[in-house]
N, C-alpha and C. Protein backbone atom coordinates (compact mmCIF):
# COMPACT_ATOMS: atom_id res chain seq x y z
N LEU A 1 0.84 -1.19 0.00
CA LEU A 1 0.00 0.00 0.00
C LEU A 1 0.88 1.24 0.00
N PRO A 2 0.30 2.39 -0.38
CA PRO A 2 1.10 3.62 -0.38
C PRO A 2 1.69 3.90 0.99
N GLY A 3 2.85 4.52 0.99
CA GLY A 3 3.49 4.89 2.25
C GLY A 3 4.00 3.71 3.05
N TYR A 4 4.22 2.57 2.40
CA TYR A 4 4.71 1.36 3.05
C TYR A 4 3.77 0.86 4.15
N LEU A 5 2.48 1.10 3.97
CA LEU A 5 1.50 0.61 4.95
C LEU A 5 1.37 -0.91 4.83
N ASN A 6 1.17 -1.55 5.97
CA ASN A 6 0.93 -2.99 5.96
C ASN A 6 -0.48 -3.26 5.45
N TYR A 7 -0.59 -4.23 4.55
CA TYR A 7 -1.91 -4.57 4.02
C TYR A 7 -2.70 -5.32 5.09
N PRO A 8 -3.99 -5.01 5.25
CA PRO A 8 -4.81 -5.68 6.27
C PRO A 8 -4.88 -7.19 6.07
N VAL A 9 -4.83 -7.90 7.18
CA VAL A 9 -4.96 -9.35 7.16
C VAL A 9 -6.26 -9.75 7.87
N HIS A 10 -6.61 -11.03 7.73
CA HIS A 10 -7.90 -11.49 8.25
C HIS A 10 -8.03 -11.36 9.77
N THR A 11 -6.92 -11.23 10.47
CA THR A 11 -6.98 -11.07 11.92
C THR A 11 -7.19 -9.60 12.30
N GLU A 12 -7.34 -8.72 11.31
CA GLU A 12 -7.60 -7.30 11.52
C GLU A 12 -8.91 -6.92 10.81
N PRO A 13 -10.04 -7.43 11.30
CA PRO A 13 -11.31 -7.22 10.60
C PRO A 13 -11.86 -5.79 10.68
N THR A 14 -11.33 -5.00 11.61
CA THR A 14 -11.80 -3.62 11.78
C THR A 14 -10.63 -2.65 11.68
N LEU A 15 -10.95 -1.41 11.42
CA LEU A 15 -9.92 -0.37 11.37
C LEU A 15 -9.22 -0.25 12.73
N GLU A 16 -9.97 -0.42 13.79
CA GLU A 16 -9.38 -0.35 15.13
C GLU A 16 -8.35 -1.46 15.34
N ALA A 17 -8.66 -2.67 14.89
CA ALA A 17 -7.71 -3.79 15.02
C ALA A 17 -6.46 -3.52 14.20
N TRP A 18 -6.63 -3.00 12.98
CA TRP A 18 -5.47 -2.67 12.14
C TRP A 18 -4.63 -1.60 12.82
N THR A 19 -5.28 -0.59 13.41
CA THR A 19 -4.58 0.51 14.07
C THR A 19 -3.79 0.02 15.27
N GLN A 20 -4.35 -0.92 16.03
CA GLN A 20 -3.62 -1.47 17.18
C GLN A 20 -2.32 -2.12 16.75
N ASN A 21 -2.31 -2.75 15.58
CA ASN A 21 -1.10 -3.43 15.10
C ASN A 21 -0.15 -2.50 14.36
N ASN A 22 -0.66 -1.36 13.87
CA ASN A 22 0.15 -0.52 13.00
C ASN A 22 0.36 0.91 13.49
N GLY A 23 -0.41 1.35 14.47
CA GLY A 23 -0.22 2.68 15.05
C GLY A 23 -1.16 3.73 14.49
N THR A 24 -1.42 4.74 15.31
CA THR A 24 -2.36 5.80 14.92
C THR A 24 -1.80 6.71 13.84
N ALA A 25 -0.49 6.89 13.78
CA ALA A 25 0.10 7.72 12.73
C ALA A 25 -0.16 7.10 11.36
N ARG A 26 0.01 5.80 11.28
CA ARG A 26 -0.23 5.11 10.01
C ARG A 26 -1.72 5.06 9.67
N LYS A 27 -2.55 5.08 10.69
CA LYS A 27 -4.00 5.07 10.45
C LYS A 27 -4.40 6.27 9.59
N ARG A 28 -3.82 7.43 9.85
CA ARG A 28 -4.16 8.61 9.05
C ARG A 28 -3.87 8.39 7.57
N TRP A 29 -2.74 7.74 7.27
CA TRP A 29 -2.40 7.44 5.88
C TRP A 29 -3.41 6.46 5.28
N LEU A 30 -3.76 5.45 6.05
CA LEU A 30 -4.71 4.45 5.56
C LEU A 30 -6.07 5.08 5.31
N VAL A 31 -6.53 5.92 6.23
CA VAL A 31 -7.82 6.58 6.07
C VAL A 31 -7.80 7.47 4.82
N ASN A 32 -6.71 8.18 4.59
CA ASN A 32 -6.60 9.00 3.37
C ASN A 32 -6.72 8.13 2.12
N MET A 33 -6.08 6.97 2.15
CA MET A 33 -6.17 6.07 1.01
C MET A 33 -7.60 5.57 0.81
N LEU A 34 -8.25 5.20 1.91
CA LEU A 34 -9.62 4.70 1.83
C LEU A 34 -10.56 5.78 1.27
N LYS A 35 -10.35 7.02 1.70
CA LYS A 35 -11.15 8.12 1.15
C LYS A 35 -10.90 8.29 -0.35
N ALA A 36 -9.65 8.13 -0.75
CA ALA A 36 -9.32 8.23 -2.18
C ALA A 36 -9.98 7.08 -2.96
N PHE A 37 -10.01 5.89 -2.37
CA PHE A 37 -10.63 4.74 -3.02
C PHE A 37 -12.14 4.89 -3.13
N TRP A 38 -12.78 5.22 -2.00
CA TRP A 38 -14.24 5.11 -1.91
C TRP A 38 -14.96 6.45 -1.90
N GLY A 39 -14.24 7.56 -1.90
CA GLY A 39 -14.88 8.88 -1.98
C GLY A 39 -15.83 9.15 -0.83
N ASP A 40 -16.99 9.69 -1.16
CA ASP A 40 -17.98 10.06 -0.14
C ASP A 40 -18.55 8.86 0.61
N ALA A 41 -18.37 7.67 0.07
CA ALA A 41 -18.86 6.46 0.75
C ALA A 41 -17.99 6.09 1.94
N ALA A 42 -16.79 6.64 2.04
CA ALA A 42 -15.88 6.35 3.16
C ALA A 42 -16.12 7.38 4.26
N THR A 43 -16.85 6.98 5.29
CA THR A 43 -17.21 7.90 6.38
C THR A 43 -16.74 7.35 7.72
N PRO A 44 -16.64 8.21 8.73
CA PRO A 44 -16.28 7.70 10.07
C PRO A 44 -17.28 6.65 10.57
N GLU A 45 -18.55 6.79 10.19
CA GLU A 45 -19.58 5.86 10.65
C GLU A 45 -19.35 4.44 10.13
N ASN A 46 -18.74 4.30 8.95
CA ASN A 46 -18.50 2.94 8.42
C ASN A 46 -17.00 2.60 8.41
N ASP A 47 -16.25 3.22 9.32
CA ASP A 47 -14.80 2.96 9.42
C ASP A 47 -14.09 3.27 8.10
N PHE A 48 -14.58 4.29 7.41
CA PHE A 48 -14.01 4.74 6.13
C PHE A 48 -13.98 3.61 5.10
N ALA A 49 -14.99 2.73 5.18
CA ALA A 49 -15.15 1.60 4.25
C ALA A 49 -14.00 0.60 4.35
N TYR A 50 -13.37 0.54 5.50
CA TYR A 50 -12.28 -0.41 5.73
C TYR A 50 -12.73 -1.84 5.45
N ALA A 51 -13.97 -2.15 5.78
CA ALA A 51 -14.49 -3.52 5.58
C ALA A 51 -14.49 -3.91 4.11
N TRP A 52 -14.50 -2.93 3.22
CA TRP A 52 -14.53 -3.23 1.79
C TRP A 52 -13.18 -3.68 1.25
N LEU A 53 -12.10 -3.44 1.98
CA LEU A 53 -10.80 -3.93 1.54
C LEU A 53 -10.75 -5.44 1.75
N PRO A 54 -10.43 -6.19 0.71
CA PRO A 54 -10.25 -7.63 0.94
C PRO A 54 -9.10 -7.84 1.92
N LYS A 55 -9.23 -8.79 2.80
CA LYS A 55 -8.18 -9.05 3.79
C LYS A 55 -7.36 -10.26 3.36
N LYS A 56 -6.04 -10.11 3.49
CA LYS A 56 -5.16 -11.24 3.19
C LYS A 56 -5.26 -12.25 4.33
N ASN A 57 -5.07 -13.50 3.99
CA ASN A 57 -4.96 -14.55 4.99
C ASN A 57 -3.54 -14.49 5.54
N ALA A 58 -3.39 -14.25 6.83
CA ALA A 58 -2.07 -14.08 7.44
C ALA A 58 -1.21 -15.33 7.32
N LYS A 59 -1.83 -16.49 7.08
CA LYS A 59 -1.08 -17.75 6.99
C LYS A 59 -0.75 -18.15 5.56
N LYS A 60 -1.28 -17.41 4.57
CA LYS A 60 -1.07 -17.77 3.17
C LYS A 60 0.21 -17.12 2.63
N ASP A 61 0.85 -17.82 1.73
CA ASP A 61 2.07 -17.32 1.08
C ASP A 61 1.69 -16.55 -0.17
N TYR A 62 1.86 -15.23 -0.15
CA TYR A 62 1.53 -14.38 -1.30
C TYR A 62 2.75 -14.03 -2.14
N SER A 63 3.85 -14.71 -1.92
CA SER A 63 5.04 -14.46 -2.72
C SER A 63 4.81 -15.01 -4.13
N ALA A 64 5.74 -14.74 -5.02
CA ALA A 64 5.64 -15.29 -6.38
C ALA A 64 5.58 -16.81 -6.33
N PHE A 65 6.37 -17.43 -5.44
CA PHE A 65 6.32 -18.89 -5.33
C PHE A 65 4.94 -19.35 -4.88
N GLY A 66 4.38 -18.67 -3.88
CA GLY A 66 3.06 -19.04 -3.39
C GLY A 66 1.98 -18.90 -4.45
N ILE A 67 2.07 -17.86 -5.26
CA ILE A 67 1.10 -17.65 -6.33
C ILE A 67 1.13 -18.81 -7.32
N PHE A 68 2.32 -19.17 -7.78
CA PHE A 68 2.41 -20.25 -8.77
C PHE A 68 2.09 -21.60 -8.17
N GLU A 69 2.39 -21.81 -6.90
CA GLU A 69 2.00 -23.06 -6.24
C GLU A 69 0.48 -23.14 -6.12
N SER A 70 -0.19 -22.01 -5.88
CA SER A 70 -1.65 -21.99 -5.82
C SER A 70 -2.25 -22.33 -7.19
N ALA A 71 -1.64 -21.81 -8.25
CA ALA A 71 -2.11 -22.14 -9.60
C ALA A 71 -1.91 -23.62 -9.89
N LEU A 72 -0.77 -24.16 -9.49
CA LEU A 72 -0.52 -25.59 -9.68
C LEU A 72 -1.54 -26.45 -8.93
N ALA A 73 -1.92 -26.00 -7.74
CA ALA A 73 -2.88 -26.74 -6.92
C ALA A 73 -4.31 -26.58 -7.44
N GLY A 74 -4.52 -25.64 -8.37
CA GLY A 74 -5.85 -25.42 -8.93
C GLY A 74 -6.70 -24.45 -8.15
N SER A 75 -6.15 -23.82 -7.11
CA SER A 75 -6.95 -22.88 -6.32
C SER A 75 -6.87 -21.46 -6.87
N LEU A 76 -5.93 -21.20 -7.75
CA LEU A 76 -5.83 -19.90 -8.42
C LEU A 76 -6.20 -20.12 -9.87
N LYS A 77 -7.28 -19.47 -10.30
CA LYS A 77 -7.82 -19.69 -11.65
C LYS A 77 -7.42 -18.62 -12.64
N MET A 78 -7.18 -17.40 -12.13
CA MET A 78 -6.85 -16.28 -13.01
C MET A 78 -5.70 -15.50 -12.40
N LEU A 79 -4.82 -15.02 -13.26
CA LEU A 79 -3.68 -14.23 -12.80
C LEU A 79 -3.55 -13.02 -13.71
N TRP A 80 -3.40 -11.84 -13.09
CA TRP A 80 -3.22 -10.59 -13.83
C TRP A 80 -1.83 -10.08 -13.48
N ILE A 81 -0.95 -10.05 -14.46
CA ILE A 81 0.44 -9.67 -14.24
C ILE A 81 0.68 -8.29 -14.85
N VAL A 82 1.20 -7.38 -14.03
CA VAL A 82 1.50 -6.02 -14.48
C VAL A 82 2.99 -5.77 -14.31
N GLY A 83 3.67 -5.50 -15.41
CA GLY A 83 5.07 -5.10 -15.34
C GLY A 83 6.01 -6.15 -14.81
N GLN A 84 5.68 -7.40 -14.93
CA GLN A 84 6.55 -8.49 -14.49
C GLN A 84 6.65 -9.52 -15.62
N ASN A 85 7.70 -10.30 -15.60
CA ASN A 85 7.87 -11.33 -16.61
C ASN A 85 8.40 -12.60 -15.94
N PRO A 86 7.54 -13.28 -15.15
CA PRO A 86 8.02 -14.45 -14.40
C PRO A 86 8.51 -15.60 -15.27
N ALA A 87 8.14 -15.62 -16.55
CA ALA A 87 8.63 -16.68 -17.44
C ALA A 87 10.11 -16.49 -17.75
N VAL A 88 10.69 -15.42 -17.27
CA VAL A 88 12.13 -15.16 -17.43
C VAL A 88 12.79 -14.98 -16.06
N SER A 89 12.09 -14.30 -15.14
CA SER A 89 12.73 -13.88 -13.89
C SER A 89 12.63 -14.89 -12.76
N SER A 90 11.81 -15.91 -12.90
CA SER A 90 11.66 -16.89 -11.82
C SER A 90 12.82 -17.88 -11.81
N PRO A 91 13.27 -18.30 -10.62
CA PRO A 91 14.35 -19.27 -10.56
C PRO A 91 13.90 -20.70 -10.91
N ASN A 92 12.57 -20.93 -10.97
CA ASN A 92 12.08 -22.26 -11.31
C ASN A 92 11.05 -22.13 -12.43
N LEU A 93 11.52 -22.07 -13.66
CA LEU A 93 10.63 -21.87 -14.80
C LEU A 93 9.71 -23.05 -15.04
N LYS A 94 10.12 -24.25 -14.64
CA LYS A 94 9.26 -25.42 -14.80
C LYS A 94 7.96 -25.23 -14.03
N VAL A 95 8.07 -24.76 -12.80
CA VAL A 95 6.88 -24.51 -11.98
C VAL A 95 6.04 -23.39 -12.59
N VAL A 96 6.69 -22.33 -13.04
CA VAL A 96 5.96 -21.21 -13.64
C VAL A 96 5.16 -21.68 -14.85
N PHE A 97 5.79 -22.39 -15.77
CA PHE A 97 5.10 -22.82 -16.99
C PHE A 97 3.98 -23.81 -16.68
N GLU A 98 4.24 -24.75 -15.78
CA GLU A 98 3.18 -25.71 -15.41
C GLU A 98 2.01 -24.99 -14.74
N ALA A 99 2.30 -23.99 -13.94
CA ALA A 99 1.24 -23.22 -13.27
C ALA A 99 0.45 -22.40 -14.29
N LEU A 100 1.14 -21.74 -15.22
CA LEU A 100 0.45 -20.96 -16.24
C LEU A 100 -0.44 -21.86 -17.10
N ASP A 101 0.02 -23.07 -17.36
CA ASP A 101 -0.77 -24.04 -18.13
C ASP A 101 -2.08 -24.40 -17.43
N LYS A 102 -2.11 -24.30 -16.10
CA LYS A 102 -3.30 -24.70 -15.34
C LYS A 102 -4.31 -23.58 -15.13
N LEU A 103 -3.92 -22.35 -15.42
CA LEU A 103 -4.84 -21.23 -15.23
C LEU A 103 -5.98 -21.29 -16.23
N GLU A 104 -7.13 -20.74 -15.85
CA GLU A 104 -8.21 -20.57 -16.80
C GLU A 104 -7.96 -19.31 -17.64
N MET A 105 -7.39 -18.28 -17.00
CA MET A 105 -7.12 -17.04 -17.72
C MET A 105 -5.86 -16.38 -17.17
N LEU A 106 -5.08 -15.82 -18.09
CA LEU A 106 -3.91 -15.03 -17.76
C LEU A 106 -4.05 -13.69 -18.45
N VAL A 107 -3.94 -12.61 -17.68
CA VAL A 107 -3.95 -11.26 -18.23
C VAL A 107 -2.56 -10.69 -18.01
N VAL A 108 -1.93 -10.23 -19.08
CA VAL A 108 -0.61 -9.62 -18.99
C VAL A 108 -0.75 -8.18 -19.47
N GLN A 109 -0.40 -7.26 -18.60
CA GLN A 109 -0.46 -5.82 -18.90
C GLN A 109 0.97 -5.35 -19.09
N GLU A 110 1.35 -5.13 -20.35
CA GLU A 110 2.75 -4.86 -20.67
C GLU A 110 2.86 -3.98 -21.91
N ILE A 111 4.06 -3.50 -22.15
CA ILE A 111 4.28 -2.65 -23.32
C ILE A 111 4.56 -3.48 -24.58
N TRP A 112 4.85 -4.76 -24.42
CA TRP A 112 5.01 -5.65 -25.56
C TRP A 112 4.73 -7.07 -25.11
N GLU A 113 4.66 -7.97 -26.07
CA GLU A 113 4.42 -9.37 -25.74
C GLU A 113 5.67 -9.96 -25.10
N THR A 114 5.57 -10.29 -23.83
CA THR A 114 6.70 -10.87 -23.10
C THR A 114 6.67 -12.39 -23.21
N GLU A 115 7.68 -13.03 -22.69
CA GLU A 115 7.72 -14.49 -22.66
C GLU A 115 6.56 -15.04 -21.84
N THR A 116 6.15 -14.30 -20.80
CA THR A 116 5.00 -14.75 -20.00
C THR A 116 3.72 -14.69 -20.81
N ALA A 117 3.52 -13.61 -21.56
CA ALA A 117 2.32 -13.47 -22.38
C ALA A 117 2.29 -14.50 -23.50
N ALA A 118 3.46 -14.96 -23.92
CA ALA A 118 3.55 -15.91 -25.03
C ALA A 118 3.93 -17.31 -24.54
N PHE A 119 3.72 -17.60 -23.25
CA PHE A 119 4.15 -18.89 -22.70
C PHE A 119 3.52 -20.07 -23.44
N TRP A 120 2.33 -19.88 -23.95
CA TRP A 120 1.57 -20.95 -24.60
C TRP A 120 2.15 -21.36 -25.95
N LYS A 121 3.07 -20.56 -26.48
CA LYS A 121 3.71 -20.94 -27.74
C LYS A 121 5.21 -21.10 -27.57
N ARG A 122 5.62 -21.48 -26.37
CA ARG A 122 7.05 -21.70 -26.10
C ARG A 122 7.54 -22.95 -26.83
N PRO A 123 8.83 -23.05 -27.06
CA PRO A 123 9.38 -24.22 -27.75
C PRO A 123 9.02 -25.52 -27.04
N GLY A 124 8.68 -26.51 -27.83
CA GLY A 124 8.36 -27.83 -27.29
C GLY A 124 6.93 -28.01 -26.84
N VAL A 125 6.09 -26.99 -27.03
CA VAL A 125 4.70 -27.07 -26.59
C VAL A 125 3.78 -26.85 -27.80
N ASP A 126 2.79 -27.72 -27.91
CA ASP A 126 1.78 -27.54 -28.95
C ASP A 126 0.75 -26.56 -28.39
N PRO A 127 0.64 -25.36 -28.98
CA PRO A 127 -0.29 -24.35 -28.46
C PRO A 127 -1.73 -24.86 -28.33
N LYS A 128 -2.12 -25.83 -29.12
CA LYS A 128 -3.48 -26.38 -29.05
C LYS A 128 -3.74 -27.12 -27.74
N THR A 129 -2.67 -27.53 -27.05
CA THR A 129 -2.83 -28.27 -25.79
C THR A 129 -2.97 -27.35 -24.58
N VAL A 130 -2.68 -26.07 -24.76
CA VAL A 130 -2.76 -25.12 -23.64
C VAL A 130 -4.16 -24.51 -23.62
N GLN A 131 -4.86 -24.71 -22.53
CA GLN A 131 -6.24 -24.26 -22.40
C GLN A 131 -6.38 -22.87 -21.78
N THR A 132 -5.29 -22.31 -21.29
CA THR A 132 -5.32 -21.00 -20.65
C THR A 132 -5.65 -19.92 -21.68
N GLU A 133 -6.66 -19.10 -21.39
CA GLU A 133 -6.95 -17.95 -22.24
C GLU A 133 -6.01 -16.82 -21.82
N VAL A 134 -5.33 -16.24 -22.80
CA VAL A 134 -4.34 -15.19 -22.51
C VAL A 134 -4.79 -13.88 -23.15
N LEU A 135 -4.83 -12.83 -22.33
CA LEU A 135 -5.13 -11.49 -22.82
C LEU A 135 -3.90 -10.61 -22.61
N LEU A 136 -3.53 -9.87 -23.63
CA LEU A 136 -2.43 -8.93 -23.53
C LEU A 136 -3.01 -7.53 -23.59
N LEU A 137 -2.90 -6.79 -22.49
CA LEU A 137 -3.40 -5.42 -22.43
C LEU A 137 -2.23 -4.47 -22.72
N PRO A 138 -2.36 -3.63 -23.75
CA PRO A 138 -1.24 -2.77 -24.14
C PRO A 138 -1.05 -1.59 -23.19
N ALA A 139 0.02 -1.62 -22.44
CA ALA A 139 0.34 -0.55 -21.50
C ALA A 139 1.28 0.45 -22.16
N SER A 140 1.31 1.64 -21.62
CA SER A 140 2.22 2.64 -22.16
C SER A 140 3.55 2.60 -21.42
N PHE A 141 4.59 2.99 -22.13
CA PHE A 141 5.95 3.04 -21.63
C PHE A 141 6.10 4.22 -20.68
N PHE A 142 7.09 4.22 -19.80
CA PHE A 142 7.21 5.28 -18.80
C PHE A 142 7.34 6.66 -19.44
N MET A 143 7.89 6.74 -20.64
CA MET A 143 8.05 8.04 -21.29
C MET A 143 6.74 8.51 -21.95
N GLU A 144 5.72 7.65 -21.91
CA GLU A 144 4.45 7.96 -22.55
C GLU A 144 3.36 8.32 -21.54
N LYS A 145 3.74 8.55 -20.29
CA LYS A 145 2.74 8.85 -19.27
C LYS A 145 3.32 9.76 -18.19
N ASN A 146 2.46 10.58 -17.62
CA ASN A 146 2.84 11.38 -16.46
C ASN A 146 2.87 10.48 -15.25
N GLY A 147 3.73 10.79 -14.30
CA GLY A 147 3.71 10.03 -13.07
C GLY A 147 4.99 10.16 -12.28
N SER A 148 4.94 9.61 -11.08
CA SER A 148 6.11 9.65 -10.21
C SER A 148 6.84 8.33 -10.27
N VAL A 149 8.12 8.39 -10.06
CA VAL A 149 8.95 7.20 -9.94
C VAL A 149 9.71 7.31 -8.63
N THR A 150 9.99 6.18 -8.04
CA THR A 150 10.73 6.16 -6.79
C THR A 150 11.70 5.00 -6.81
N ASN A 151 12.54 4.94 -5.81
CA ASN A 151 13.48 3.84 -5.70
C ASN A 151 13.58 3.41 -4.24
N SER A 152 14.44 2.46 -3.96
CA SER A 152 14.54 1.95 -2.59
C SER A 152 15.07 3.00 -1.63
N GLY A 153 15.67 4.06 -2.13
CA GLY A 153 16.11 5.17 -1.29
C GLY A 153 14.99 6.15 -1.00
N ALA A 154 13.79 5.85 -1.47
CA ALA A 154 12.59 6.67 -1.27
C ALA A 154 12.70 8.05 -1.91
N ILE A 155 13.53 8.16 -2.93
CA ILE A 155 13.59 9.41 -3.69
C ILE A 155 12.44 9.38 -4.69
N VAL A 156 11.64 10.42 -4.70
CA VAL A 156 10.49 10.48 -5.60
C VAL A 156 10.74 11.57 -6.63
N GLN A 157 10.53 11.24 -7.88
CA GLN A 157 10.66 12.20 -8.96
C GLN A 157 9.38 12.21 -9.78
N TRP A 158 8.98 13.39 -10.23
CA TRP A 158 7.81 13.50 -11.11
C TRP A 158 8.30 13.61 -12.55
N ARG A 159 7.65 12.88 -13.43
CA ARG A 159 8.01 12.94 -14.85
C ARG A 159 6.77 13.20 -15.68
N TYR A 160 6.94 14.02 -16.69
CA TYR A 160 5.86 14.31 -17.63
C TYR A 160 6.01 13.43 -18.86
N ALA A 161 4.88 13.12 -19.48
CA ALA A 161 4.91 12.33 -20.70
C ALA A 161 5.67 13.07 -21.78
N ALA A 162 6.57 12.37 -22.46
CA ALA A 162 7.35 12.97 -23.54
C ALA A 162 6.64 12.81 -24.88
N VAL A 163 5.94 11.68 -25.04
CA VAL A 163 5.22 11.38 -26.28
C VAL A 163 3.91 10.67 -25.93
N LYS A 164 2.99 10.60 -26.88
CA LYS A 164 1.74 9.86 -26.66
C LYS A 164 1.98 8.38 -26.89
N PRO A 165 1.27 7.53 -26.16
CA PRO A 165 1.44 6.10 -26.38
C PRO A 165 0.87 5.69 -27.75
N PRO A 166 1.43 4.64 -28.33
CA PRO A 166 0.96 4.21 -29.65
C PRO A 166 -0.36 3.44 -29.56
N GLY A 167 -1.10 3.47 -30.64
CA GLY A 167 -2.31 2.65 -30.76
C GLY A 167 -3.25 2.79 -29.59
N MET A 168 -3.62 1.65 -29.01
CA MET A 168 -4.58 1.61 -27.90
C MET A 168 -3.89 1.53 -26.54
N ALA A 169 -2.59 1.70 -26.50
CA ALA A 169 -1.85 1.61 -25.23
C ALA A 169 -2.31 2.71 -24.27
N LEU A 170 -2.41 2.35 -22.99
CA LEU A 170 -2.83 3.27 -21.94
C LEU A 170 -1.90 3.14 -20.75
N PRO A 171 -1.83 4.18 -19.91
CA PRO A 171 -1.09 4.05 -18.65
C PRO A 171 -1.72 2.95 -17.78
N ASP A 172 -0.90 2.31 -16.95
CA ASP A 172 -1.38 1.21 -16.12
C ASP A 172 -2.62 1.58 -15.31
N GLY A 173 -2.59 2.74 -14.68
CA GLY A 173 -3.72 3.16 -13.84
C GLY A 173 -5.01 3.28 -14.63
N LYS A 174 -4.93 3.77 -15.85
CA LYS A 174 -6.13 3.91 -16.69
C LYS A 174 -6.69 2.54 -17.08
N ILE A 175 -5.80 1.58 -17.33
CA ILE A 175 -6.26 0.23 -17.66
C ILE A 175 -7.01 -0.38 -16.48
N VAL A 176 -6.40 -0.30 -15.30
CA VAL A 176 -7.04 -0.87 -14.11
C VAL A 176 -8.36 -0.15 -13.83
N ASP A 177 -8.38 1.16 -13.96
CA ASP A 177 -9.59 1.93 -13.73
C ASP A 177 -10.69 1.54 -14.73
N TYR A 178 -10.33 1.36 -15.99
CA TYR A 178 -11.31 0.98 -17.01
C TYR A 178 -11.93 -0.38 -16.67
N VAL A 179 -11.09 -1.36 -16.33
CA VAL A 179 -11.61 -2.69 -15.99
C VAL A 179 -12.48 -2.61 -14.74
N PHE A 180 -12.03 -1.86 -13.72
CA PHE A 180 -12.83 -1.69 -12.50
C PHE A 180 -14.21 -1.14 -12.82
N ARG A 181 -14.26 -0.09 -13.63
CA ARG A 181 -15.54 0.55 -13.95
C ARG A 181 -16.45 -0.39 -14.75
N ARG A 182 -15.90 -1.18 -15.65
CA ARG A 182 -16.71 -2.12 -16.43
C ARG A 182 -17.29 -3.20 -15.51
N VAL A 183 -16.47 -3.72 -14.60
CA VAL A 183 -16.96 -4.74 -13.66
C VAL A 183 -18.02 -4.13 -12.76
N ARG A 184 -17.77 -2.91 -12.27
CA ARG A 184 -18.74 -2.23 -11.42
C ARG A 184 -20.08 -2.08 -12.15
N ASP A 185 -20.03 -1.69 -13.42
CA ASP A 185 -21.26 -1.53 -14.20
C ASP A 185 -22.00 -2.86 -14.36
N LEU A 186 -21.26 -3.95 -14.49
CA LEU A 186 -21.88 -5.27 -14.66
C LEU A 186 -22.63 -5.72 -13.42
N VAL A 187 -22.17 -5.32 -12.24
CA VAL A 187 -22.80 -5.76 -10.99
C VAL A 187 -23.59 -4.63 -10.32
N HIS A 188 -23.84 -3.56 -11.04
CA HIS A 188 -24.48 -2.37 -10.48
C HIS A 188 -25.81 -2.67 -9.79
N ASP A 189 -26.66 -3.48 -10.39
CA ASP A 189 -27.99 -3.73 -9.85
C ASP A 189 -28.09 -5.00 -9.03
N THR A 190 -26.98 -5.64 -8.74
CA THR A 190 -27.02 -6.90 -8.01
C THR A 190 -27.39 -6.66 -6.54
N LYS A 191 -28.00 -7.66 -5.96
CA LYS A 191 -28.35 -7.61 -4.52
C LYS A 191 -27.45 -8.54 -3.70
N ASP A 192 -26.51 -9.18 -4.37
CA ASP A 192 -25.60 -10.11 -3.69
C ASP A 192 -24.68 -9.32 -2.76
N PRO A 193 -24.59 -9.70 -1.48
CA PRO A 193 -23.74 -8.95 -0.52
C PRO A 193 -22.28 -8.84 -0.94
N LYS A 194 -21.77 -9.83 -1.69
CA LYS A 194 -20.36 -9.77 -2.10
C LYS A 194 -20.12 -8.62 -3.08
N ASP A 195 -21.17 -8.09 -3.68
CA ASP A 195 -21.04 -7.01 -4.64
C ASP A 195 -21.32 -5.64 -4.02
N ASP A 196 -21.41 -5.56 -2.70
CA ASP A 196 -21.69 -4.30 -2.01
C ASP A 196 -20.78 -3.16 -2.43
N ILE A 197 -19.50 -3.45 -2.59
CA ILE A 197 -18.53 -2.42 -2.89
C ILE A 197 -18.91 -1.69 -4.16
């Protein structure tokens, strides 16, 4: 989360529980983020919509290894990868490829087709045998979008777009926002409690 905030886990079901573990100074940052996420719907009466944040399972492994092991086990059906290329960067490519083969859908948001986006046509594999549906969302390059960059030294720099992105490419945030809004529109009239957000 922004500001190096700890992401809420299932043992922190309320904002008060999260604050006890993380401190009141950090609570202000989290509340600001929640207001940015949920706008006028984030009020003191509803804990600034803290309940709407999905909670991580404190016992689950959310590392890259854990993600691919979940896909191998069949408990992870869809994976959306932004700005990563695990088909090259992982130390165990056999696990990565076998896990990608088991997904129902893979979404890769990148500036070009990476090895991960093209895993289904890798050498030695008949593409007809891979059942994973793969979508490549065209993202814009850092020089094609306004935004801040930072590093491990916490130096933040603002950069302006130098050129427009080609074709249908969009900045990462705009892609995520577009998908969010489309999903929200699809569940707008639902009465299912899971769609409250």
